[in-house]
Amino acid sequence: MTFVEMTARDQLVPADPVPGLALAQVDRDAPLVTELLARVGAPYGWPSASRTPEQWDRWFAQCPNRTFWLLSFQDEPAGTVVYDLHPGNEVEIEIFGLLPEFVGKGLGGSALTLAVERAWELIPEVSRVWLHTSSQDHPRALPNYHRRGFRTYTTQEGERG
C-alpha cells in the first residue's frame, strides 16, 4: 500500500474542470451509498464489493464522523468520495472512485480535484489530507494522486483489507 498526503491546501495542483461534474453530500443512510461503494470497488476486489449487511453496519460504526459524497456527471451518479475526520484536524479520503462505466472518460483528475478541494473545507483548520492506494486499485490512481500534488510519505507491504 502507498500512503500519500498534502499538508497545505496550496499543494493541490488542480486538473482542468470538466463541465457537468459535481460533488454533493449524501446522507449516510441512503441506500445509494452502499450501492455506489459496491459498484466502485467491484473491479478492484475492494471489501465494499461483497460486504454483508452486518459488515456494513460495523464499517459505518468504525468512524461516526465518516461523510459520504456523490460524484455526478451530467446529473448521473458517476462515483463516490468517502471522508473520515481524524484528530489533529486531519481528513482522510477513505474511498475515492468512479463507477466502471465512467472510468477512462477523462473524469479522474477533475473528480479528484473536487474531492481534495472539499476535503480542505470539511472542518476548520485542516492540517493534512491523506489517503492510501494499493496495487489492486486502478493503475492510474497513484499517478493521478501525484499529479494533483499528493506526495508519498510511506509504503507498506500488503493490500487493502
N, C-alpha and C. Protein backbone atom coordinates (compact mmCIF):
# COMPACT_ATOMS: atom_id res chain seq x y z
N MET A 1 0.84 -1.17 0.00
CA MET A 1 0.00 0.00 0.00
C MET A 1 0.89 1.24 0.00
N THR A 2 0.39 2.25 -0.65
CA THR A 2 1.10 3.52 -0.72
C THR A 2 0.23 4.59 -0.08
N PHE A 3 0.81 5.32 0.86
CA PHE A 3 0.11 6.39 1.56
C PHE A 3 0.62 7.72 1.03
N VAL A 4 -0.32 8.61 0.67
CA VAL A 4 0.04 9.92 0.13
C VAL A 4 -0.65 11.00 0.95
N GLU A 5 -0.08 12.21 0.93
CA GLU A 5 -0.63 13.30 1.73
C GLU A 5 -0.38 14.65 1.09
N MET A 6 -1.19 15.60 1.54
CA MET A 6 -0.96 17.02 1.34
C MET A 6 -1.01 17.64 2.73
N THR A 7 -0.10 18.54 2.99
CA THR A 7 -0.08 19.19 4.30
C THR A 7 -0.42 20.68 4.21
N ALA A 8 -0.73 21.13 3.02
CA ALA A 8 -1.17 22.52 2.82
C ALA A 8 -2.08 22.56 1.60
N ARG A 9 -3.10 23.37 1.71
CA ARG A 9 -4.08 23.47 0.63
C ARG A 9 -3.44 23.88 -0.70
N ASP A 10 -2.43 24.73 -0.64
CA ASP A 10 -1.82 25.22 -1.88
C ASP A 10 -0.95 24.17 -2.58
N GLN A 11 -0.84 22.98 -2.01
CA GLN A 11 -0.13 21.90 -2.68
C GLN A 11 -0.99 21.26 -3.78
N LEU A 12 -2.28 21.50 -3.75
CA LEU A 12 -3.17 20.95 -4.77
C LEU A 12 -2.85 21.55 -6.14
N VAL A 13 -2.65 20.68 -7.10
CA VAL A 13 -2.46 21.06 -8.49
C VAL A 13 -3.74 20.66 -9.21
N PRO A 14 -4.66 21.60 -9.39
CA PRO A 14 -5.97 21.23 -9.93
C PRO A 14 -5.90 20.78 -11.38
N ALA A 15 -6.73 19.80 -11.69
CA ALA A 15 -6.92 19.41 -13.09
C ALA A 15 -7.90 20.40 -13.71
N ASP A 16 -7.92 20.44 -15.02
CA ASP A 16 -8.90 21.27 -15.70
C ASP A 16 -10.30 20.81 -15.31
N PRO A 17 -11.21 21.74 -15.06
CA PRO A 17 -12.57 21.34 -14.72
C PRO A 17 -13.26 20.63 -15.89
N VAL A 18 -14.16 19.73 -15.54
CA VAL A 18 -14.98 19.05 -16.53
C VAL A 18 -16.40 19.56 -16.36
N PRO A 19 -16.96 20.23 -17.36
CA PRO A 19 -18.34 20.71 -17.25
C PRO A 19 -19.29 19.54 -16.97
N GLY A 20 -20.19 19.76 -16.02
CA GLY A 20 -21.17 18.73 -15.68
C GLY A 20 -20.73 17.79 -14.58
N LEU A 21 -19.49 17.91 -14.09
CA LEU A 21 -19.01 17.07 -13.00
C LEU A 21 -19.24 17.81 -11.69
N ALA A 22 -19.87 17.14 -10.73
CA ALA A 22 -20.21 17.78 -9.46
C ALA A 22 -20.02 16.81 -8.30
N LEU A 23 -19.90 17.37 -7.10
CA LEU A 23 -19.74 16.61 -5.87
C LEU A 23 -20.75 17.13 -4.86
N ALA A 24 -21.59 16.24 -4.32
CA ALA A 24 -22.62 16.64 -3.36
C ALA A 24 -22.70 15.61 -2.24
N GLN A 25 -22.94 16.09 -1.03
CA GLN A 25 -23.04 15.20 0.12
C GLN A 25 -24.30 14.35 0.02
N VAL A 26 -24.17 13.11 0.51
CA VAL A 26 -25.27 12.16 0.53
C VAL A 26 -25.44 11.70 1.98
N ASP A 27 -26.67 11.54 2.42
CA ASP A 27 -26.94 11.03 3.76
C ASP A 27 -26.36 9.64 3.91
N ARG A 28 -25.68 9.38 5.00
CA ARG A 28 -25.02 8.08 5.21
C ARG A 28 -26.00 6.92 5.21
N ASP A 29 -27.28 7.17 5.47
CA ASP A 29 -28.27 6.10 5.49
C ASP A 29 -28.92 5.85 4.13
N ALA A 30 -28.57 6.63 3.13
CA ALA A 30 -29.17 6.47 1.80
C ALA A 30 -28.72 5.14 1.19
N PRO A 31 -29.65 4.36 0.64
CA PRO A 31 -29.27 3.10 0.00
C PRO A 31 -28.23 3.29 -1.11
N LEU A 32 -28.22 4.46 -1.72
CA LEU A 32 -27.27 4.75 -2.78
C LEU A 32 -25.82 4.61 -2.31
N VAL A 33 -25.57 4.87 -1.03
CA VAL A 33 -24.20 4.83 -0.51
C VAL A 33 -23.60 3.44 -0.68
N THR A 34 -24.25 2.42 -0.15
CA THR A 34 -23.67 1.08 -0.25
C THR A 34 -23.67 0.57 -1.69
N GLU A 35 -24.66 0.95 -2.46
CA GLU A 35 -24.70 0.54 -3.86
C GLU A 35 -23.50 1.11 -4.62
N LEU A 36 -23.24 2.41 -4.45
CA LEU A 36 -22.10 3.05 -5.11
C LEU A 36 -20.78 2.43 -4.67
N LEU A 37 -20.63 2.24 -3.36
CA LEU A 37 -19.37 1.70 -2.85
C LEU A 37 -19.12 0.29 -3.37
N ALA A 38 -20.17 -0.52 -3.47
CA ALA A 38 -20.02 -1.87 -4.00
C ALA A 38 -19.65 -1.83 -5.48
N ARG A 39 -20.31 -0.99 -6.24
CA ARG A 39 -20.06 -0.93 -7.69
C ARG A 39 -18.69 -0.34 -8.00
N VAL A 40 -18.29 0.71 -7.26
CA VAL A 40 -16.97 1.31 -7.49
C VAL A 40 -15.87 0.31 -7.15
N GLY A 41 -16.03 -0.44 -6.08
CA GLY A 41 -14.99 -1.34 -5.62
C GLY A 41 -14.93 -2.69 -6.31
N ALA A 42 -15.99 -3.10 -6.98
CA ALA A 42 -16.05 -4.44 -7.57
C ALA A 42 -14.88 -4.75 -8.51
N PRO A 43 -14.52 -3.86 -9.45
CA PRO A 43 -13.43 -4.21 -10.36
C PRO A 43 -12.08 -4.40 -9.68
N TYR A 44 -11.94 -3.90 -8.45
CA TYR A 44 -10.65 -3.91 -7.78
C TYR A 44 -10.61 -4.85 -6.57
N GLY A 45 -11.68 -5.58 -6.36
CA GLY A 45 -11.72 -6.52 -5.24
C GLY A 45 -11.79 -5.85 -3.88
N TRP A 46 -12.31 -4.61 -3.84
CA TRP A 46 -12.43 -3.92 -2.56
C TRP A 46 -13.42 -4.66 -1.66
N PRO A 47 -13.23 -4.62 -0.34
CA PRO A 47 -14.18 -5.26 0.56
C PRO A 47 -15.62 -4.77 0.36
N SER A 48 -15.79 -3.53 -0.07
CA SER A 48 -17.13 -2.97 -0.26
C SER A 48 -17.93 -3.72 -1.32
N ALA A 49 -17.26 -4.45 -2.17
CA ALA A 49 -17.95 -5.16 -3.25
C ALA A 49 -18.73 -6.37 -2.75
N SER A 50 -18.40 -6.84 -1.55
CA SER A 50 -19.05 -8.08 -1.09
C SER A 50 -19.44 -8.07 0.38
N ARG A 51 -19.58 -6.90 0.98
CA ARG A 51 -19.95 -6.83 2.40
C ARG A 51 -21.38 -7.32 2.63
N THR A 52 -21.55 -8.00 3.75
CA THR A 52 -22.89 -8.38 4.20
C THR A 52 -23.50 -7.18 4.92
N PRO A 53 -24.81 -7.19 5.16
CA PRO A 53 -25.41 -6.09 5.93
C PRO A 53 -24.74 -5.89 7.30
N GLU A 54 -24.36 -6.97 7.96
CA GLU A 54 -23.70 -6.85 9.26
C GLU A 54 -22.32 -6.22 9.12
N GLN A 55 -21.61 -6.59 8.07
CA GLN A 55 -20.30 -5.98 7.84
C GLN A 55 -20.42 -4.50 7.51
N TRP A 56 -21.47 -4.14 6.77
CA TRP A 56 -21.71 -2.72 6.50
C TRP A 56 -21.96 -1.97 7.81
N ASP A 57 -22.78 -2.56 8.69
CA ASP A 57 -23.08 -1.91 9.97
C ASP A 57 -21.79 -1.65 10.75
N ARG A 58 -20.91 -2.65 10.80
CA ARG A 58 -19.64 -2.48 11.52
C ARG A 58 -18.77 -1.41 10.86
N TRP A 59 -18.73 -1.40 9.52
CA TRP A 59 -17.92 -0.41 8.80
C TRP A 59 -18.42 1.00 9.06
N PHE A 60 -19.75 1.19 9.04
CA PHE A 60 -20.30 2.51 9.32
C PHE A 60 -20.00 2.93 10.75
N ALA A 61 -20.05 1.99 11.68
CA ALA A 61 -19.83 2.31 13.10
C ALA A 61 -18.37 2.62 13.41
N GLN A 62 -17.44 2.14 12.58
CA GLN A 62 -16.00 2.36 12.82
C GLN A 62 -15.64 3.83 12.93
N CYS A 63 -16.30 4.65 12.18
CA CYS A 63 -15.95 6.07 12.14
C CYS A 63 -17.23 6.88 12.07
N PRO A 64 -17.75 7.31 13.22
CA PRO A 64 -19.00 8.06 13.22
C PRO A 64 -18.92 9.40 12.50
N ASN A 65 -17.70 9.91 12.30
CA ASN A 65 -17.54 11.18 11.58
C ASN A 65 -17.37 10.98 10.08
N ARG A 66 -17.60 9.78 9.61
CA ARG A 66 -17.45 9.47 8.18
C ARG A 66 -18.56 10.18 7.40
N THR A 67 -18.17 10.86 6.29
CA THR A 67 -19.16 11.53 5.45
C THR A 67 -19.09 10.96 4.04
N PHE A 68 -20.21 11.02 3.36
CA PHE A 68 -20.38 10.37 2.06
C PHE A 68 -20.80 11.38 1.02
N TRP A 69 -20.16 11.29 -0.13
CA TRP A 69 -20.37 12.26 -1.20
C TRP A 69 -20.55 11.55 -2.53
N LEU A 70 -21.42 12.10 -3.34
CA LEU A 70 -21.72 11.56 -4.66
C LEU A 70 -21.01 12.40 -5.72
N LEU A 71 -20.23 11.75 -6.55
CA LEU A 71 -19.71 12.38 -7.75
C LEU A 71 -20.75 12.14 -8.84
N SER A 72 -21.19 13.20 -9.49
CA SER A 72 -22.15 13.03 -10.59
C SER A 72 -21.58 13.69 -11.84
N PHE A 73 -21.97 13.14 -12.96
CA PHE A 73 -21.58 13.70 -14.24
C PHE A 73 -22.84 13.85 -15.08
N GLN A 74 -23.14 15.08 -15.44
CA GLN A 74 -24.36 15.41 -16.17
C GLN A 74 -25.59 14.80 -15.48
N ASP A 75 -25.62 15.01 -14.16
CA ASP A 75 -26.72 14.59 -13.28
C ASP A 75 -26.89 13.08 -13.15
N GLU A 76 -25.90 12.31 -13.56
CA GLU A 76 -25.92 10.85 -13.38
C GLU A 76 -24.87 10.47 -12.35
N PRO A 77 -25.18 9.53 -11.43
CA PRO A 77 -24.14 9.07 -10.49
C PRO A 77 -22.92 8.55 -11.26
N ALA A 78 -21.75 9.06 -10.90
CA ALA A 78 -20.52 8.69 -11.60
C ALA A 78 -19.46 8.11 -10.67
N GLY A 79 -19.62 8.29 -9.36
CA GLY A 79 -18.62 7.80 -8.43
C GLY A 79 -18.92 8.27 -7.02
N THR A 80 -17.95 8.06 -6.15
CA THR A 80 -18.16 8.41 -4.75
C THR A 80 -16.85 8.82 -4.08
N VAL A 81 -17.00 9.62 -3.04
CA VAL A 81 -15.90 10.00 -2.17
C VAL A 81 -16.39 9.81 -0.73
N VAL A 82 -15.56 9.17 0.08
CA VAL A 82 -15.88 8.98 1.50
C VAL A 82 -14.73 9.59 2.29
N TYR A 83 -15.09 10.44 3.25
CA TYR A 83 -14.08 11.11 4.09
C TYR A 83 -14.21 10.63 5.53
N ASP A 84 -13.07 10.41 6.16
CA ASP A 84 -13.02 10.16 7.59
C ASP A 84 -12.31 11.35 8.23
N LEU A 85 -12.92 11.90 9.28
CA LEU A 85 -12.35 13.03 10.01
C LEU A 85 -11.60 12.48 11.21
N HIS A 86 -10.34 12.85 11.33
CA HIS A 86 -9.47 12.31 12.37
C HIS A 86 -9.01 13.41 13.33
N PRO A 87 -8.57 13.02 14.54
CA PRO A 87 -8.00 14.00 15.47
C PRO A 87 -6.83 14.74 14.82
N GLY A 88 -6.57 15.93 15.29
CA GLY A 88 -5.50 16.74 14.74
C GLY A 88 -5.91 17.45 13.46
N ASN A 89 -7.23 17.54 13.23
CA ASN A 89 -7.76 18.22 12.05
C ASN A 89 -7.30 17.57 10.74
N GLU A 90 -7.17 16.24 10.76
CA GLU A 90 -6.79 15.51 9.57
C GLU A 90 -8.03 14.96 8.88
N VAL A 91 -7.99 14.98 7.55
CA VAL A 91 -9.08 14.42 6.75
C VAL A 91 -8.48 13.32 5.89
N GLU A 92 -9.03 12.14 6.05
CA GLU A 92 -8.63 11.01 5.21
C GLU A 92 -9.66 10.83 4.12
N ILE A 93 -9.20 10.71 2.90
CA ILE A 93 -10.08 10.29 1.82
C ILE A 93 -10.07 8.77 1.88
N GLU A 94 -11.06 8.24 2.57
CA GLU A 94 -11.15 6.80 2.82
C GLU A 94 -11.42 6.05 1.51
N ILE A 95 -12.30 6.61 0.69
CA ILE A 95 -12.63 6.00 -0.60
C ILE A 95 -12.79 7.11 -1.63
N PHE A 96 -12.20 6.88 -2.77
CA PHE A 96 -12.39 7.75 -3.93
C PHE A 96 -12.45 6.84 -5.14
N GLY A 97 -13.50 6.95 -5.93
CA GLY A 97 -13.55 6.11 -7.12
C GLY A 97 -14.71 6.44 -8.02
N LEU A 98 -14.53 6.06 -9.26
CA LEU A 98 -15.56 6.23 -10.27
C LEU A 98 -16.25 4.90 -10.54
N LEU A 99 -17.51 4.96 -10.93
CA LEU A 99 -18.21 3.77 -11.37
C LEU A 99 -17.54 3.25 -12.64
N PRO A 100 -17.55 1.94 -12.85
CA PRO A 100 -16.83 1.37 -14.01
C PRO A 100 -17.16 2.03 -15.34
N GLU A 101 -18.42 2.39 -15.55
CA GLU A 101 -18.80 2.97 -16.84
C GLU A 101 -18.28 4.39 -17.04
N PHE A 102 -17.71 5.01 -15.99
CA PHE A 102 -17.14 6.36 -16.11
C PHE A 102 -15.61 6.36 -16.10
N VAL A 103 -15.01 5.21 -15.89
CA VAL A 103 -13.55 5.09 -15.91
C VAL A 103 -13.08 5.21 -17.36
N GLY A 104 -11.97 5.93 -17.55
CA GLY A 104 -11.41 6.08 -18.89
C GLY A 104 -12.07 7.15 -19.73
N LYS A 105 -12.88 7.99 -19.10
CA LYS A 105 -13.59 9.04 -19.83
C LYS A 105 -12.99 10.42 -19.57
N GLY A 106 -11.83 10.48 -18.89
CA GLY A 106 -11.18 11.75 -18.64
C GLY A 106 -11.73 12.51 -17.45
N LEU A 107 -12.40 11.81 -16.54
CA LEU A 107 -13.01 12.47 -15.38
C LEU A 107 -12.15 12.41 -14.11
N GLY A 108 -11.20 11.48 -14.05
CA GLY A 108 -10.48 11.20 -12.81
C GLY A 108 -9.75 12.38 -12.21
N GLY A 109 -9.02 13.13 -13.01
CA GLY A 109 -8.27 14.28 -12.48
C GLY A 109 -9.17 15.36 -11.94
N SER A 110 -10.22 15.67 -12.66
CA SER A 110 -11.16 16.69 -12.22
C SER A 110 -11.95 16.21 -11.00
N ALA A 111 -12.34 14.94 -11.01
CA ALA A 111 -13.07 14.38 -9.86
C ALA A 111 -12.20 14.42 -8.60
N LEU A 112 -10.93 14.06 -8.74
CA LEU A 112 -10.02 14.11 -7.59
C LEU A 112 -9.82 15.55 -7.12
N THR A 113 -9.74 16.49 -8.06
CA THR A 113 -9.61 17.90 -7.68
C THR A 113 -10.80 18.32 -6.83
N LEU A 114 -12.02 17.97 -7.26
CA LEU A 114 -13.22 18.31 -6.47
C LEU A 114 -13.14 17.66 -5.09
N ALA A 115 -12.71 16.40 -5.04
CA ALA A 115 -12.64 15.68 -3.77
C ALA A 115 -11.63 16.32 -2.81
N VAL A 116 -10.48 16.73 -3.33
CA VAL A 116 -9.45 17.33 -2.49
C VAL A 116 -9.87 18.73 -2.04
N GLU A 117 -10.45 19.49 -2.95
CA GLU A 117 -10.94 20.82 -2.56
C GLU A 117 -11.94 20.71 -1.42
N ARG A 118 -12.86 19.77 -1.52
CA ARG A 118 -13.86 19.57 -0.46
C ARG A 118 -13.18 19.11 0.83
N ALA A 119 -12.20 18.24 0.74
CA ALA A 119 -11.50 17.76 1.94
C ALA A 119 -10.93 18.91 2.75
N TRP A 120 -10.38 19.91 2.05
CA TRP A 120 -9.80 21.05 2.75
C TRP A 120 -10.86 21.95 3.37
N GLU A 121 -12.12 21.75 3.01
CA GLU A 121 -13.21 22.60 3.53
C GLU A 121 -14.08 21.91 4.58
N LEU A 122 -13.86 20.62 4.83
CA LEU A 122 -14.78 19.86 5.69
C LEU A 122 -14.80 20.31 7.14
N ILE A 123 -13.65 20.70 7.64
CA ILE A 123 -13.55 21.15 9.04
C ILE A 123 -12.63 22.38 9.07
N PRO A 124 -12.76 23.20 10.11
CA PRO A 124 -11.86 24.35 10.21
C PRO A 124 -10.41 23.91 10.41
N GLU A 125 -9.51 24.63 9.80
CA GLU A 125 -8.08 24.45 10.03
C GLU A 125 -7.58 23.02 9.76
N VAL A 126 -7.94 22.46 8.62
CA VAL A 126 -7.44 21.14 8.24
C VAL A 126 -5.92 21.20 8.19
N SER A 127 -5.27 20.22 8.83
CA SER A 127 -3.81 20.21 8.87
C SER A 127 -3.21 19.27 7.83
N ARG A 128 -4.03 18.29 7.39
CA ARG A 128 -3.49 17.31 6.45
C ARG A 128 -4.65 16.59 5.78
N VAL A 129 -4.49 16.31 4.49
CA VAL A 129 -5.41 15.46 3.74
C VAL A 129 -4.58 14.29 3.24
N TRP A 130 -5.07 13.08 3.49
CA TRP A 130 -4.28 11.92 3.11
C TRP A 130 -5.19 10.79 2.64
N LEU A 131 -4.57 9.83 1.99
CA LEU A 131 -5.27 8.63 1.54
C LEU A 131 -4.25 7.54 1.29
N HIS A 132 -4.76 6.36 1.03
CA HIS A 132 -3.87 5.27 0.64
C HIS A 132 -4.44 4.57 -0.60
N THR A 133 -3.54 3.97 -1.33
CA THR A 133 -3.92 3.23 -2.53
C THR A 133 -3.12 1.93 -2.53
N SER A 134 -3.57 1.01 -3.32
CA SER A 134 -2.87 -0.27 -3.39
C SER A 134 -2.70 -0.68 -4.84
N SER A 135 -1.89 -1.70 -5.06
CA SER A 135 -1.67 -2.19 -6.42
C SER A 135 -2.94 -2.82 -6.99
N GLN A 136 -3.93 -3.08 -6.14
CA GLN A 136 -5.20 -3.61 -6.63
C GLN A 136 -6.10 -2.51 -7.19
N ASP A 137 -5.78 -1.26 -6.90
CA ASP A 137 -6.59 -0.15 -7.39
C ASP A 137 -6.29 0.10 -8.87
N HIS A 138 -7.02 1.01 -9.48
CA HIS A 138 -6.81 1.32 -10.89
C HIS A 138 -5.36 1.72 -11.10
N PRO A 139 -4.73 1.26 -12.18
CA PRO A 139 -3.31 1.57 -12.38
C PRO A 139 -3.01 3.06 -12.53
N ARG A 140 -4.00 3.88 -12.85
CA ARG A 140 -3.75 5.32 -12.97
C ARG A 140 -4.05 6.06 -11.67
N ALA A 141 -4.45 5.35 -10.62
CA ALA A 141 -4.80 6.02 -9.36
C ALA A 141 -3.60 6.77 -8.77
N LEU A 142 -2.52 6.06 -8.50
CA LEU A 142 -1.36 6.70 -7.86
C LEU A 142 -0.78 7.82 -8.73
N PRO A 143 -0.62 7.63 -10.05
CA PRO A 143 -0.14 8.77 -10.86
C PRO A 143 -1.08 9.98 -10.79
N ASN A 144 -2.38 9.74 -10.72
CA ASN A 144 -3.34 10.85 -10.59
C ASN A 144 -3.12 11.57 -9.26
N TYR A 145 -2.95 10.82 -8.17
CA TYR A 145 -2.71 11.45 -6.87
C TYR A 145 -1.45 12.31 -6.92
N HIS A 146 -0.39 11.79 -7.50
CA HIS A 146 0.86 12.55 -7.59
C HIS A 146 0.68 13.79 -8.47
N ARG A 147 -0.02 13.68 -9.59
CA ARG A 147 -0.24 14.85 -10.46
C ARG A 147 -1.04 15.94 -9.74
N ARG A 148 -1.92 15.56 -8.84
CA ARG A 148 -2.73 16.54 -8.11
C ARG A 148 -1.96 17.15 -6.96
N GLY A 149 -0.73 16.69 -6.67
CA GLY A 149 0.09 17.31 -5.64
C GLY A 149 0.29 16.49 -4.38
N PHE A 150 -0.30 15.31 -4.30
CA PHE A 150 -0.03 14.45 -3.16
C PHE A 150 1.41 13.96 -3.25
N ARG A 151 2.03 13.76 -2.08
CA ARG A 151 3.36 13.17 -2.04
C ARG A 151 3.28 11.88 -1.23
N THR A 152 4.04 10.89 -1.66
CA THR A 152 4.10 9.63 -0.93
C THR A 152 4.87 9.85 0.36
N TYR A 153 4.29 9.40 1.49
CA TYR A 153 5.01 9.53 2.74
C TYR A 153 5.37 8.19 3.35
N THR A 154 4.76 7.10 2.91
CA THR A 154 5.18 5.77 3.35
C THR A 154 4.54 4.71 2.46
N THR A 155 5.17 3.56 2.46
CA THR A 155 4.60 2.39 1.79
C THR A 155 4.69 1.24 2.77
N GLN A 156 3.83 0.27 2.58
CA GLN A 156 3.89 -0.93 3.41
C GLN A 156 3.42 -2.12 2.61
N GLU A 157 3.91 -3.26 2.98
CA GLU A 157 3.51 -4.50 2.32
C GLU A 157 2.05 -4.79 2.66
N GLY A 158 1.39 -5.47 1.76
CA GLY A 158 0.00 -5.83 1.99
C GLY A 158 -0.91 -4.95 1.18
N GLU A 159 -2.12 -5.40 1.07
CA GLU A 159 -3.11 -4.70 0.26
C GLU A 159 -4.29 -4.31 1.13
N ARG A 160 -5.27 -3.69 0.49
CA ARG A 160 -6.50 -3.28 1.16
C ARG A 160 -7.11 -4.45 1.90
N GLY A 161 -7.58 -4.18 3.13
CA GLY A 161 -8.09 -5.28 3.94
C GLY A 161 -9.51 -5.25 4.25
